[in-house]
Amino acid sequence: MKKKIVRRSKETQIEIVVGRSAERGLGHVEVSTTLPFFDHMLTALARYGGLDLRLRAEGDLRHHIMEDVAIALGRAVRSITPAAAARYGERTIPMDDALVQAVIDVGGRSYFEGELPNRLYTHVLRSLADSLGASLHVRVLRGKDRHHVIEAAFKATGLALRQALADTGGEIFSTKGAVELVEEDVP
């Protein structure tokens, strides 16, 4: 199952097609946001997350592009989260001097805790967690090279997400059972 999300405003134009990789390997990823390092981080997140992702974005300011892409991507991943998802995931990734842990719960409750050596990339992960409806904790255990720390965080988040999105085949991991939310248009 793949989903398409389009988000447009005066500031940004974003189109995302996302699905879970049919293979147990890495997902097929094509990302173009006009921001090369951000493209690199989104590619890492999707590949390690086992997502098939086609993402195109452009906009007026770096901040607007990054924030709006994170919001749209979170919403897109939320739309493909299985009802019987494993729900929880945790991974710790070393990357040269960096060691970063990501722990996620895709159970529908938004929360973010963590700090990367760049406020905008911290904001991206927070926006992603909020729109995904996930509790995401990212801990930088060590690292001095900002590139390595940020990349390790995106890879760890991707691998944790892969674990959390795994379909259990029917088991609902919640003491309250399945949560149903109905949206209807009313006159």
Protein backbone atom coordinates (compact mmCIF):
# COMPACT_ATOMS: atom_id res chain seq x y z
CA MET A 1 0.00 0.00 0.00
CA LYS A 2 1.32 3.42 -0.97
CA LYS A 3 -0.09 6.81 -0.07
CA LYS A 4 0.32 10.19 -1.72
CA ILE A 5 0.38 13.39 0.30
CA VAL A 6 0.44 16.85 -1.28
CA ARG A 7 0.98 19.94 0.84
CA ARG A 8 0.88 23.39 -0.73
CA SER A 9 1.07 26.85 0.74
CA LYS A 10 2.44 30.24 -0.26
CA GLU A 11 5.73 29.12 1.27
CA THR A 12 6.18 25.53 0.08
CA GLN A 13 5.04 22.93 -2.44
CA ILE A 14 5.50 19.33 -1.36
CA GLU A 15 4.54 16.00 -2.91
CA ILE A 16 5.22 12.70 -1.18
CA VAL A 17 4.50 9.12 -2.21
CA VAL A 18 5.34 6.65 0.55
CA GLY A 19 4.94 2.95 1.21
CA ARG A 20 6.60 0.25 3.23
CA SER A 21 9.34 -1.58 1.35
CA ALA A 22 8.14 -4.87 -0.09
CA GLU A 23 11.56 -6.34 0.59
CA ARG A 24 13.21 -6.79 3.95
CA GLY A 25 16.07 -4.68 2.65
CA LEU A 26 16.40 -0.98 2.09
CA GLY A 27 13.56 1.01 0.56
CA HIS A 28 13.70 2.70 -2.85
CA VAL A 29 14.17 6.42 -2.16
CA GLU A 30 14.15 9.53 -4.37
CA VAL A 31 14.36 12.84 -2.51
CA SER A 32 14.70 16.37 -3.86
CA THR A 33 14.13 19.35 -1.57
CA THR A 34 16.68 21.82 -3.04
CA LEU A 35 18.69 21.30 0.19
CA PRO A 36 21.44 18.69 -0.40
CA PHE A 37 22.25 17.83 3.23
CA PHE A 38 18.54 17.62 4.10
CA ASP A 39 18.05 15.33 1.09
CA HIS A 40 20.87 13.15 2.45
CA MET A 41 19.25 12.95 5.92
CA LEU A 42 15.77 12.17 4.54
CA THR A 43 17.26 9.49 2.30
CA ALA A 44 18.98 7.92 5.31
CA LEU A 45 15.79 8.05 7.39
CA ALA A 46 13.69 6.44 4.66
CA ARG A 47 16.23 3.80 3.60
CA TYR A 48 16.92 2.66 7.16
CA GLY A 49 13.20 2.93 7.93
CA GLY A 50 12.38 0.45 5.16
CA LEU A 51 10.27 3.01 3.34
CA ASP A 52 9.75 3.42 -0.36
CA LEU A 53 9.74 7.19 -0.71
CA ARG A 54 9.43 9.69 -3.52
CA LEU A 55 9.59 13.22 -2.15
CA ARG A 56 9.74 16.50 -4.05
CA ALA A 57 9.72 19.86 -2.30
CA GLU A 58 10.55 23.47 -3.01
CA GLY A 59 9.89 26.66 -1.17
CA ASP A 60 10.97 30.10 -0.17
CA LEU A 61 13.12 29.56 2.94
CA ARG A 62 15.25 26.71 4.27
CA HIS A 63 13.29 26.66 7.54
CA HIS A 64 9.91 26.52 5.77
CA ILE A 65 10.99 23.71 3.45
CA MET A 66 12.43 21.59 6.27
CA GLU A 67 9.55 22.11 8.68
CA ASP A 68 6.81 21.56 6.10
CA VAL A 69 8.51 18.46 4.68
CA ALA A 70 8.74 16.99 8.21
CA ILE A 71 5.04 17.71 8.82
CA ALA A 72 3.98 16.18 5.50
CA LEU A 73 6.31 13.17 5.86
CA GLY A 74 5.05 12.43 9.37
CA ARG A 75 1.46 12.55 8.14
CA ALA A 76 2.34 10.30 5.19
CA VAL A 77 4.03 7.68 7.40
CA ARG A 78 1.10 7.84 9.80
CA SER A 79 -1.22 6.98 6.91
CA ILE A 80 0.70 3.75 6.15
CA THR A 81 1.17 2.62 9.76
CA PRO A 82 -0.50 -0.79 10.14
CA ALA A 83 -3.31 -1.06 12.70
CA ALA A 84 -1.38 -4.00 14.18
CA ALA A 85 2.04 -2.34 14.11
CA ALA A 86 4.67 -3.59 16.54
CA ARG A 87 4.41 0.01 17.80
CA TYR A 88 7.79 0.28 19.56
CA GLY A 89 11.29 0.52 18.15
CA GLU A 90 14.75 1.29 19.51
CA ARG A 91 18.15 1.53 17.87
CA THR A 92 21.55 2.91 18.75
CA ILE A 93 23.84 3.83 15.87
CA PRO A 94 27.59 4.51 15.91
CA MET A 95 29.00 6.73 13.19
CA ASP A 96 32.68 7.42 13.70
CA ASP A 97 32.82 9.68 16.78
CA ALA A 98 29.03 9.81 17.16
CA LEU A 99 26.79 7.45 19.10
CA VAL A 100 23.06 8.20 18.99
CA GLN A 101 20.02 6.32 20.31
CA ALA A 102 16.45 6.70 19.02
CA VAL A 103 13.41 5.18 20.73
CA ILE A 104 9.94 5.50 19.15
CA ASP A 105 6.33 4.58 19.90
CA VAL A 106 3.98 5.03 16.92
CA GLY A 107 0.92 4.48 19.12
CA GLY A 108 -0.69 7.85 18.36
CA ARG A 109 0.60 10.03 21.19
CA SER A 110 2.87 12.85 20.04
CA TYR A 111 5.93 13.74 22.09
CA PHE A 112 9.54 14.57 21.32
CA GLU A 113 12.57 14.73 23.54
CA GLY A 114 16.08 15.30 22.28
CA GLU A 115 18.60 17.81 21.08
CA LEU A 116 20.87 17.66 18.06
CA PRO A 117 23.80 20.02 17.46
CA ASN A 118 21.59 21.99 15.05
CA ARG A 119 18.28 23.53 16.18
CA LEU A 120 16.69 23.16 12.75
CA TYR A 121 17.35 19.41 12.60
CA THR A 122 16.01 19.06 16.15
CA HIS A 123 12.90 20.93 14.94
CA VAL A 124 12.57 18.55 11.97
CA LEU A 125 12.51 15.49 14.23
CA ARG A 126 10.03 17.21 16.59
CA SER A 127 7.74 18.13 13.67
CA LEU A 128 8.00 14.60 12.27
CA ALA A 129 7.05 13.06 15.64
CA ASP A 130 4.15 15.47 16.11
CA SER A 131 2.58 14.85 12.70
CA LEU A 132 3.26 11.10 12.85
CA GLY A 133 1.58 10.87 16.25
CA ALA A 134 4.68 9.29 17.72
CA SER A 135 6.63 9.58 20.92
CA LEU A 136 10.26 9.95 19.83
CA HIS A 137 13.25 10.21 22.13
CA VAL A 138 16.68 10.87 20.61
CA ARG A 139 19.75 10.76 22.84
CA VAL A 140 23.15 11.89 21.66
CA LEU A 141 25.41 9.70 23.77
CA ARG A 142 28.61 11.14 22.32
CA GLY A 143 30.01 12.87 19.29
CA LYS A 144 31.76 16.06 18.21
CA ASP A 145 31.28 16.11 14.44
CA ARG A 146 27.86 17.71 13.81
CA HIS A 147 27.39 15.89 10.50
CA HIS A 148 28.05 12.51 12.13
CA VAL A 149 25.75 13.21 15.09
CA ILE A 150 22.85 14.37 12.88
CA GLU A 151 23.27 11.51 10.42
CA ALA A 152 23.47 8.92 13.21
CA ALA A 153 20.26 10.41 14.66
CA PHE A 154 18.40 10.08 11.35
CA LYS A 155 19.66 6.53 10.78
CA ALA A 156 18.80 5.46 14.33
CA THR A 157 15.34 7.03 13.98
CA GLY A 158 14.86 5.20 10.67
CA LEU A 159 15.83 1.81 12.10
CA ALA A 160 13.64 2.36 15.19
CA LEU A 161 10.77 3.34 12.89
CA ARG A 162 11.29 0.17 10.82
CA GLN A 163 10.89 -1.91 14.00
CA ALA A 164 7.82 0.03 15.12
CA LEU A 165 6.06 -0.23 11.74
CA ALA A 166 6.48 -4.02 11.49
CA ASP A 167 3.07 -5.63 11.08
CA THR A 168 2.38 -8.13 13.88
CA GLY A 169 -0.29 -9.91 11.86
CA GLY A 170 -3.13 -8.95 14.17
CA GLU A 171 -1.72 -8.40 17.66
CA ILE A 172 -2.58 -4.93 19.01
CA PHE A 173 0.14 -3.73 21.38
CA SER A 174 -2.00 -1.73 23.77
CA THR A 175 -3.79 -2.50 27.02
CA LYS A 176 -6.77 -0.49 25.72
CA GLY A 177 -7.00 -2.50 22.50
CA ALA A 178 -7.59 -0.90 19.12
CA VAL A 179 -8.37 2.81 19.24
CA GLU A 180 -10.97 3.93 16.75
CA LEU A 181 -11.21 7.55 15.63
CA VAL A 182 -13.98 8.43 13.20
CA GLU A 183 -13.93 11.62 11.14
CA GLU A 184 -17.09 12.65 9.32
CA ASP A 185 -18.18 15.65 7.33
CA VAL A 186 -21.32 17.21 8.79
CA PRO A 187 -23.55 19.85 7.23
